[in-house]
Structure formats: C-alpha cells, structure tokens
Amino acid sequence: HEHLAAARSCLDRVPLARPAREDLLTLIPYLVDRTG
C-alpha cells in the first residue's frame, strides 16, 4: 500500500496527540479499501 506508507509519513510529521494518531492509523486502511 503506497497510500498507507504516504499517509503514515505525513502523520509522522504532524504533531498529533498519540491517541489521535493511533485512531488515524486504524482508519487509513479502511479509507484506502473504500477508495480502492
């Protein structure tokens, strides 16, 4: 998943609180599956 890797690297640059970041990381694969 190139999209997943790109999203992860973007999230690494954003100083989000850890819980929010974990939530996003669980949502990303779902969104990628939905969008193809």
PDB file of N, CA and C in Angstrom:
ATOM      1  N   HIS A   1       0.839  -1.207   0.000  1.00  0.00           N
ATOM      2  CA  HIS A   1       0.000   0.000   0.000  1.00  0.00           C
ATOM      3  C   HIS A   1       0.872   1.254   0.000  1.00  0.00           C
ATOM      4  N   GLU A   2       1.069   1.849  -1.161  1.00  0.00           N
ATOM      5  CA  GLU A   2       1.843   3.092  -1.206  1.00  0.00           C
ATOM      6  C   GLU A   2       1.094   4.205  -0.488  1.00  0.00           C
ATOM      7  N   HIS A   3      -0.240   4.191  -0.612  1.00  0.00           N
ATOM      8  CA  HIS A   3      -1.059   5.220   0.037  1.00  0.00           C
ATOM      9  C   HIS A   3      -0.870   5.177   1.545  1.00  0.00           C
ATOM     10  N   LEU A   4      -0.837   3.970   2.081  1.00  0.00           N
ATOM     11  CA  LEU A   4      -0.697   3.784   3.515  1.00  0.00           C
ATOM     12  C   LEU A   4       0.649   4.314   3.985  1.00  0.00           C
ATOM     13  N   ALA A   5       1.699   4.020   3.231  1.00  0.00           N
ATOM     14  CA  ALA A   5       3.032   4.496   3.592  1.00  0.00           C
ATOM     15  C   ALA A   5       3.095   6.016   3.535  1.00  0.00           C
ATOM     16  N   ALA A   6       2.498   6.594   2.498  1.00  0.00           N
ATOM     17  CA  ALA A   6       2.491   8.046   2.360  1.00  0.00           C
ATOM     18  C   ALA A   6       1.722   8.692   3.504  1.00  0.00           C
ATOM     19  N   ALA A   7       0.586   8.118   3.841  1.00  0.00           N
ATOM     20  CA  ALA A   7      -0.228   8.661   4.930  1.00  0.00           C
ATOM     21  C   ALA A   7       0.518   8.567   6.251  1.00  0.00           C
ATOM     22  N   ARG A   8       1.208   7.441   6.466  1.00  0.00           N
ATOM     23  CA  ARG A   8       1.979   7.274   7.699  1.00  0.00           C
ATOM     24  C   ARG A   8       3.085   8.317   7.800  1.00  0.00           C
ATOM     25  N   SER A   9       3.798   8.551   6.693  1.00  0.00           N
ATOM     26  CA  SER A   9       4.885   9.526   6.728  1.00  0.00           C
ATOM     27  C   SER A   9       4.343  10.927   6.959  1.00  0.00           C
ATOM     28  N   CYS A  10       3.167  11.216   6.405  1.00  0.00           N
ATOM     29  CA  CYS A  10       2.529  12.510   6.654  1.00  0.00           C
ATOM     30  C   CYS A  10       2.168  12.644   8.129  1.00  0.00           C
ATOM     31  N   LEU A  11       1.604  11.589   8.702  1.00  0.00           N
ATOM     32  CA  LEU A  11       1.213  11.621  10.108  1.00  0.00           C
ATOM     33  C   LEU A  11       2.428  11.778  11.007  1.00  0.00           C
ATOM     34  N   ASP A  12       3.550  11.196  10.598  1.00  0.00           N
ATOM     35  CA  ASP A  12       4.767  11.317  11.401  1.00  0.00           C
ATOM     36  C   ASP A  12       5.218  12.768  11.498  1.00  0.00           C
ATOM     37  N   ARG A  13       4.887  13.569  10.486  1.00  0.00           N
ATOM     38  CA  ARG A  13       5.292  14.975  10.503  1.00  0.00           C
ATOM     39  C   ARG A  13       4.321  15.848  11.286  1.00  0.00           C
ATOM     40  N   VAL A  14       3.099  15.352  11.464  1.00  0.00           N
ATOM     41  CA  VAL A  14       2.088  16.134  12.175  1.00  0.00           C
ATOM     42  C   VAL A  14       2.147  15.832  13.670  1.00  0.00           C
ATOM     43  N   PRO A  15       2.330  16.869  14.495  1.00  0.00           N
ATOM     44  CA  PRO A  15       2.454  16.660  15.939  1.00  0.00           C
ATOM     45  C   PRO A  15       1.114  16.420  16.617  1.00  0.00           C
ATOM     46  N   LEU A  16       0.454  15.332  16.217  1.00  0.00           N
ATOM     47  CA  LEU A  16      -0.824  14.987  16.832  1.00  0.00           C
ATOM     48  C   LEU A  16      -0.594  14.305  18.178  1.00  0.00           C
ATOM     49  N   ALA A  17      -1.604  14.386  19.003  1.00  0.00           N
ATOM     50  CA  ALA A  17      -1.558  13.605  20.232  1.00  0.00           C
ATOM     51  C   ALA A  17      -1.570  12.127  19.849  1.00  0.00           C
ATOM     52  N   ARG A  18      -0.860  11.310  20.600  1.00  0.00           N
ATOM     53  CA  ARG A  18      -0.726   9.901  20.247  1.00  0.00           C
ATOM     54  C   ARG A  18      -2.053   9.184  20.050  1.00  0.00           C
ATOM     55  N   PRO A  19      -3.034   9.334  20.929  1.00  0.00           N
ATOM     56  CA  PRO A  19      -4.300   8.624  20.708  1.00  0.00           C
ATOM     57  C   PRO A  19      -4.950   8.983  19.372  1.00  0.00           C
ATOM     58  N   ALA A  20      -4.910  10.247  19.021  1.00  0.00           N
ATOM     59  CA  ALA A  20      -5.499  10.678  17.749  1.00  0.00           C
ATOM     60  C   ALA A  20      -4.745  10.037  16.585  1.00  0.00           C
ATOM     61  N   ARG A  21      -3.426   9.969  16.708  1.00  0.00           N
ATOM     62  CA  ARG A  21      -2.607   9.386  15.656  1.00  0.00           C
ATOM     63  C   ARG A  21      -2.915   7.896  15.500  1.00  0.00           C
ATOM     64  N   GLU A  22      -3.077   7.204  16.609  1.00  0.00           N
ATOM     65  CA  GLU A  22      -3.414   5.776  16.557  1.00  0.00           C
ATOM     66  C   GLU A  22      -4.770   5.573  15.884  1.00  0.00           C
ATOM     67  N   ASP A  23      -5.726   6.438  16.213  1.00  0.00           N
ATOM     68  CA  ASP A  23      -7.051   6.346  15.595  1.00  0.00           C
ATOM     69  C   ASP A  23      -6.949   6.527  14.080  1.00  0.00           C
ATOM     70  N   LEU A  24      -6.151   7.506  13.661  1.00  0.00           N
ATOM     71  CA  LEU A  24      -5.993   7.749  12.230  1.00  0.00           C
ATOM     72  C   LEU A  24      -5.336   6.565  11.539  1.00  0.00           C
ATOM     73  N   LEU A  25      -4.340   5.972  12.190  1.00  0.00           N
ATOM     74  CA  LEU A  25      -3.653   4.841  11.582  1.00  0.00           C
ATOM     75  C   LEU A  25      -4.586   3.642  11.419  1.00  0.00           C
ATOM     76  N   THR A  26      -5.572   3.513  12.296  1.00  0.00           N
ATOM     77  CA  THR A  26      -6.527   2.415  12.136  1.00  0.00           C
ATOM     78  C   THR A  26      -7.553   2.754  11.060  1.00  0.00           C
ATOM     79  N   LEU A  27      -7.833   4.047  10.872  1.00  0.00           N
ATOM     80  CA  LEU A  27      -8.804   4.469   9.858  1.00  0.00           C
ATOM     81  C   LEU A  27      -8.239   4.431   8.442  1.00  0.00           C
ATOM     82  N   ILE A  28      -6.957   4.694   8.295  1.00  0.00           N
ATOM     83  CA  ILE A  28      -6.355   4.788   6.962  1.00  0.00           C
ATOM     84  C   ILE A  28      -6.587   3.534   6.109  1.00  0.00           C
ATOM     85  N   PRO A  29      -6.298   2.328   6.623  1.00  0.00           N
ATOM     86  CA  PRO A  29      -6.529   1.143   5.775  1.00  0.00           C
ATOM     87  C   PRO A  29      -7.989   1.021   5.344  1.00  0.00           C
ATOM     88  N   TYR A  30      -8.907   1.385   6.231  1.00  0.00           N
ATOM     89  CA  TYR A  30     -10.332   1.336   5.906  1.00  0.00           C
ATOM     90  C   TYR A  30     -10.640   2.308   4.769  1.00  0.00           C
ATOM     91  N   LEU A  31     -10.110   3.520   4.866  1.00  0.00           N
ATOM     92  CA  LEU A  31     -10.338   4.521   3.824  1.00  0.00           C
ATOM     93  C   LEU A  31      -9.707   4.094   2.509  1.00  0.00           C
ATOM     94  N   VAL A  32      -8.520   3.515   2.571  1.00  0.00           N
ATOM     95  CA  VAL A  32      -7.849   3.048   1.361  1.00  0.00           C
ATOM     96  C   VAL A  32      -8.666   1.947   0.695  1.00  0.00           C
ATOM     97  N   ASP A  33      -9.223   1.037   1.502  1.00  0.00           N
ATOM     98  CA  ASP A  33     -10.054  -0.030   0.947  1.00  0.00           C
ATOM     99  C   ASP A  33     -11.305   0.544   0.288  1.00  0.00           C
ATOM    100  N   ARG A  34     -11.896   1.538   0.916  1.00  0.00           N
ATOM    101  CA  ARG A  34     -13.118   2.156   0.395  1.00  0.00           C
ATOM    102  C   ARG A  34     -12.857   2.873  -0.928  1.00  0.00           C
ATOM    103  N   THR A  35     -11.710   3.543  -1.021  1.00  0.00           N
ATOM    104  CA  THR A  35     -11.409   4.329  -2.213  1.00  0.00           C
ATOM    105  C   THR A  35     -10.702   3.501  -3.281  1.00  0.00           C
ATOM    106  N   GLY A  36     -10.318   2.274  -2.955  1.00  0.00           N
ATOM    107  CA  GLY A  36      -9.641   1.423  -3.915  1.00  0.00           C
ATOM    108  C   GLY A  36      -8.164   1.710  -3.959  1.00  0.00           C
TER     109      GLY A  36
END
